[in-house]
Protein backbone atom coordinates (compact mmCIF):
# COMPACT_ATOMS: atom_id res chain seq x y z
CA MET A 1 -13.60 -30.94 6.36
CA ILE A 2 -15.12 -27.95 4.57
CA GLU A 3 -17.12 -30.22 2.22
CA MET A 4 -19.21 -31.37 5.19
CA LEU A 5 -20.43 -27.85 5.91
CA PRO A 6 -23.57 -26.20 4.45
CA GLU A 7 -23.04 -24.86 0.93
CA LYS A 8 -23.60 -21.21 1.93
CA LEU A 9 -21.03 -21.54 4.71
CA GLN A 10 -18.54 -23.11 2.30
CA LYS A 11 -19.00 -20.13 0.01
CA LEU A 12 -18.39 -17.73 2.91
CA ILE A 13 -15.17 -19.57 3.83
CA GLN A 14 -14.00 -19.47 0.22
CA ILE A 15 -14.49 -15.70 0.18
CA PHE A 16 -12.55 -15.23 3.44
CA GLN A 17 -9.79 -17.42 2.03
CA LYS A 18 -9.08 -14.61 -0.45
CA PHE A 19 -7.97 -12.38 2.45
CA PRO A 20 -4.18 -11.78 2.55
CA GLY A 21 -2.45 -14.56 4.47
CA ALA A 22 -5.66 -16.48 5.14
CA GLY A 23 -5.54 -20.24 4.60
CA PRO A 24 -8.54 -22.58 4.77
CA HIS A 25 -8.37 -22.98 8.58
CA GLN A 26 -8.12 -19.26 9.27
CA ALA A 27 -10.89 -18.53 6.74
CA ALA A 28 -13.13 -21.06 8.49
CA ARG A 29 -12.32 -19.46 11.86
CA ILE A 30 -13.36 -16.02 10.54
CA ALA A 31 -16.56 -17.44 9.03
CA PHE A 32 -17.58 -19.11 12.30
CA TRP A 33 -16.67 -15.96 14.23
CA PHE A 34 -19.01 -13.96 11.99
CA LEU A 35 -21.85 -16.46 12.39
CA ASN A 36 -21.46 -16.44 16.18
CA GLN A 37 -21.79 -12.66 16.42
CA SER A 38 -25.07 -11.02 17.40
CA LYS A 39 -27.42 -9.98 14.61
CA THR A 40 -26.60 -6.33 15.37
CA SER A 41 -22.84 -6.94 15.03
CA GLN A 42 -23.35 -8.83 11.78
CA GLU A 43 -25.45 -5.99 10.37
CA GLN A 44 -22.84 -3.41 11.43
CA LEU A 45 -20.14 -5.32 9.57
CA VAL A 46 -22.28 -5.67 6.46
CA GLN A 47 -23.15 -1.96 6.61
CA ALA A 48 -19.47 -0.98 7.03
CA LEU A 49 -18.55 -3.09 3.97
CA ASN A 50 -21.32 -1.52 1.89
CA GLU A 51 -20.33 2.00 2.95
CA ALA A 52 -16.67 1.34 2.17
CA ARG A 53 -17.64 0.08 -1.27
CA THR A 54 -19.86 3.12 -1.90
CA PHE A 55 -18.00 6.01 -0.30
CA ILE A 56 -14.31 5.09 -0.53
CA LYS A 57 -12.56 5.84 -3.81
CA VAL A 58 -9.03 5.70 -5.16
CA CYS A 59 -7.08 8.94 -5.55
CA PRO A 60 -6.55 9.58 -9.28
CA LYS A 61 -3.11 11.03 -8.55
CA CYS A 62 -1.39 8.71 -6.05
CA PHE A 63 -3.81 5.72 -5.79
CA MET A 64 -4.38 6.11 -2.06
CA HIS A 65 -7.94 5.42 -0.88
CA PHE A 66 -9.94 8.45 0.23
CA GLU A 67 -13.40 9.71 1.21
CA ALA A 68 -15.51 10.25 -1.91
CA SER A 69 -16.65 13.70 -0.71
CA PHE A 70 -13.15 15.00 -1.58
CA ASN A 71 -11.43 15.23 -4.97
CA LYS A 72 -8.15 13.66 -3.89
CA CYS A 73 -6.65 11.91 -0.86
CA ILE A 74 -5.63 13.80 2.30
CA PHE A 75 -1.99 13.88 1.19
CA CYS A 76 -2.52 15.20 -2.34
CA GLU A 77 -5.14 17.69 -1.10
CA ASN A 78 -2.88 19.08 1.62
CA SER A 79 -1.06 22.19 0.34
CA ASP A 80 1.28 22.03 3.34
CA ARG A 81 2.83 18.78 2.09
CA ASP A 82 6.05 19.13 0.11
CA GLN A 83 5.04 18.29 -3.48
CA LYS A 84 8.72 17.97 -4.47
CA ILE A 85 9.31 14.87 -2.32
CA VAL A 86 7.53 11.72 -3.48
CA ALA A 87 7.83 8.41 -1.62
CA VAL A 88 7.02 5.49 -3.91
CA VAL A 89 5.65 2.52 -1.98
CA ALA A 90 4.16 -0.85 -2.83
CA LYS A 91 1.00 -0.51 -0.76
CA GLU A 92 -0.90 1.92 1.45
CA GLN A 93 0.16 0.17 4.64
CA ASP A 94 3.77 1.12 3.79
CA ALA A 95 2.78 4.79 3.46
CA LEU A 96 1.04 4.61 6.85
CA ALA A 97 4.20 3.13 8.40
CA ILE A 98 6.19 6.09 7.07
CA GLU A 99 3.52 8.53 8.31
CA ALA A 100 3.76 6.99 11.78
CA THR A 101 7.25 8.48 12.13
CA GLY A 102 5.65 11.94 12.14
CA ARG A 103 8.60 13.37 10.19
CA PHE A 104 7.82 12.79 6.52
CA LYS A 105 6.12 15.83 4.95
CA GLY A 106 6.15 14.82 1.30
CA ILE A 107 3.55 12.96 -0.78
CA TYR A 108 3.17 9.36 -1.93
CA HIS A 109 2.63 7.17 -4.95
CA ILE A 110 1.12 3.72 -4.38
CA LEU A 111 2.32 1.19 -6.98
CA GLY A 112 -0.15 -1.50 -5.98
CA GLY A 113 2.51 -4.13 -5.38
CA THR A 114 6.04 -5.03 -6.41
CA ILE A 115 7.49 -6.63 -9.51
CA SER A 116 7.73 -10.39 -9.05
CA SER A 117 7.31 -13.66 -10.92
CA LYS A 118 3.55 -13.29 -10.33
CA LYS A 119 3.26 -9.55 -10.98
CA GLU A 120 4.56 -7.82 -14.08
CA ALA A 121 5.49 -4.14 -14.20
CA ALA A 122 2.54 -3.44 -16.52
CA SER A 123 0.07 -4.49 -13.80
CA LEU A 124 1.37 -1.80 -11.41
CA HIS A 125 0.84 1.99 -11.39
CA ILE A 126 4.27 2.62 -12.91
CA LYS A 127 3.05 4.32 -16.08
CA GLU A 128 1.05 6.81 -14.03
CA PHE A 129 4.02 7.36 -11.73
CA LEU A 130 6.37 8.21 -14.62
CA GLU A 131 3.75 10.62 -15.97
CA ARG A 132 3.77 12.35 -12.57
CA VAL A 133 7.56 12.51 -12.54
CA ALA A 134 7.59 14.14 -15.99
CA SER A 135 5.67 17.10 -14.56
CA LEU A 136 7.69 17.45 -11.36
CA ASN A 137 10.07 20.26 -10.47
CA PRO A 138 13.66 19.25 -11.49
CA LYS A 139 14.69 19.73 -7.85
CA SER A 140 12.27 17.02 -6.74
CA GLU A 141 13.32 13.91 -4.85
CA ILE A 142 11.95 10.44 -5.51
CA ILE A 143 12.27 8.09 -2.54
CA LEU A 144 12.10 4.40 -3.45
CA ALA A 145 10.63 2.87 -0.29
CA PHE A 146 10.28 -0.87 -0.71
CA ASP A 147 10.68 -3.93 1.50
CA GLN A 148 14.20 -5.35 1.80
CA THR A 149 13.24 -8.42 -0.23
CA THR A 150 14.06 -9.80 -3.67
CA ASP A 151 10.84 -8.34 -5.10
CA GLY A 152 11.45 -4.98 -3.41
CA GLU A 153 14.97 -4.86 -4.81
CA ALA A 154 13.76 -5.79 -8.31
CA THR A 155 11.14 -3.01 -8.18
CA SER A 156 13.69 -0.43 -6.98
CA LEU A 157 16.12 -1.32 -9.76
CA TYR A 158 13.38 -1.22 -12.40
CA LEU A 159 12.19 2.22 -11.28
CA LYS A 160 15.71 3.58 -10.95
CA LYS A 161 16.43 2.62 -14.56
CA SER A 162 13.08 4.06 -15.70
CA LEU A 163 13.89 7.36 -13.97
CA GLU A 164 17.32 7.85 -15.55
CA LYS A 165 16.06 10.30 -18.16
CA TYR A 166 14.39 12.58 -15.61
CA PRO A 167 16.34 15.36 -13.81
CA VAL A 168 15.24 14.33 -10.32
CA LYS A 169 17.13 13.12 -7.27
CA ILE A 170 16.59 9.41 -6.58
CA THR A 171 17.13 8.00 -3.10
CA ARG A 172 16.40 4.69 -1.43
CA ILE A 173 15.63 3.77 2.14
CA GLY A 174 17.27 0.76 3.65
CA ARG A 175 19.66 1.61 6.41
CA GLY A 176 18.07 0.32 9.57
CA LEU A 177 15.67 -2.06 7.84
CA PRO A 178 16.64 -5.73 8.27
CA SER A 179 17.18 -7.85 5.17
CA GLY A 180 13.87 -9.45 4.25
CA GLY A 181 12.05 -6.95 6.46
CA ALA A 182 8.64 -5.54 5.54
CA ILE A 183 8.03 -1.79 5.84
CA GLU A 184 4.46 -2.40 6.98
CA TYR A 185 5.64 -4.13 10.19
CA THR A 186 8.69 -1.94 10.91
CA ASP A 187 8.64 -0.07 14.22
CA GLU A 188 8.53 3.74 14.10
CA GLU A 189 12.10 4.29 15.32
CA THR A 190 13.61 1.95 12.72
CA MET A 191 11.41 3.43 9.99
CA LEU A 192 12.48 6.94 10.96
CA SER A 193 16.15 5.91 10.82
CA ALA A 194 15.64 4.35 7.40
CA MET A 195 13.96 7.49 6.05
CA GLU A 196 16.44 9.96 7.53
CA ASN A 197 19.45 7.96 6.35
CA ARG A 198 18.25 7.36 2.81
CA LYS A 199 20.88 7.61 0.10
């Protein structure tokens, strides 16, 4: 039981328990793994965390993380990307899954999650997204790229309604993605099919 462990170790486990998908047993496993590493490995991890906290920032345009030495993320900075095609995703891992297809040449907008019973629309980057849409070329396309889940569907419907007043093309991925499937874990071939067959 965690209560039997030293107080500092309990605190470490409680911190690891905040990791996505980590329960008490997995958090304890990570904590013990860290303690059993060499001093050099521990220091490297601590240094990497400190550097990430110091030198990684959030893009003011799309909310993707980027190196602080730049003004925007690699997608928004890249003039070769098609600024008229915007894929709206829940999280950065979803954008990376789309990038893995090697075919998408547009840009992204990271909402920071999906609308659910635990997360209201106001807590997401929807306001900033609609401000971006207002300044887009009328021939632009907005791709709603969310997981095939209840929350993903709710988010797509909310955004579609919010976009009605803007003269942009709205498409959704889906064909090829299994019901309940997460974009983050979708293989490249299926993701490519879903993107190319959007409607």
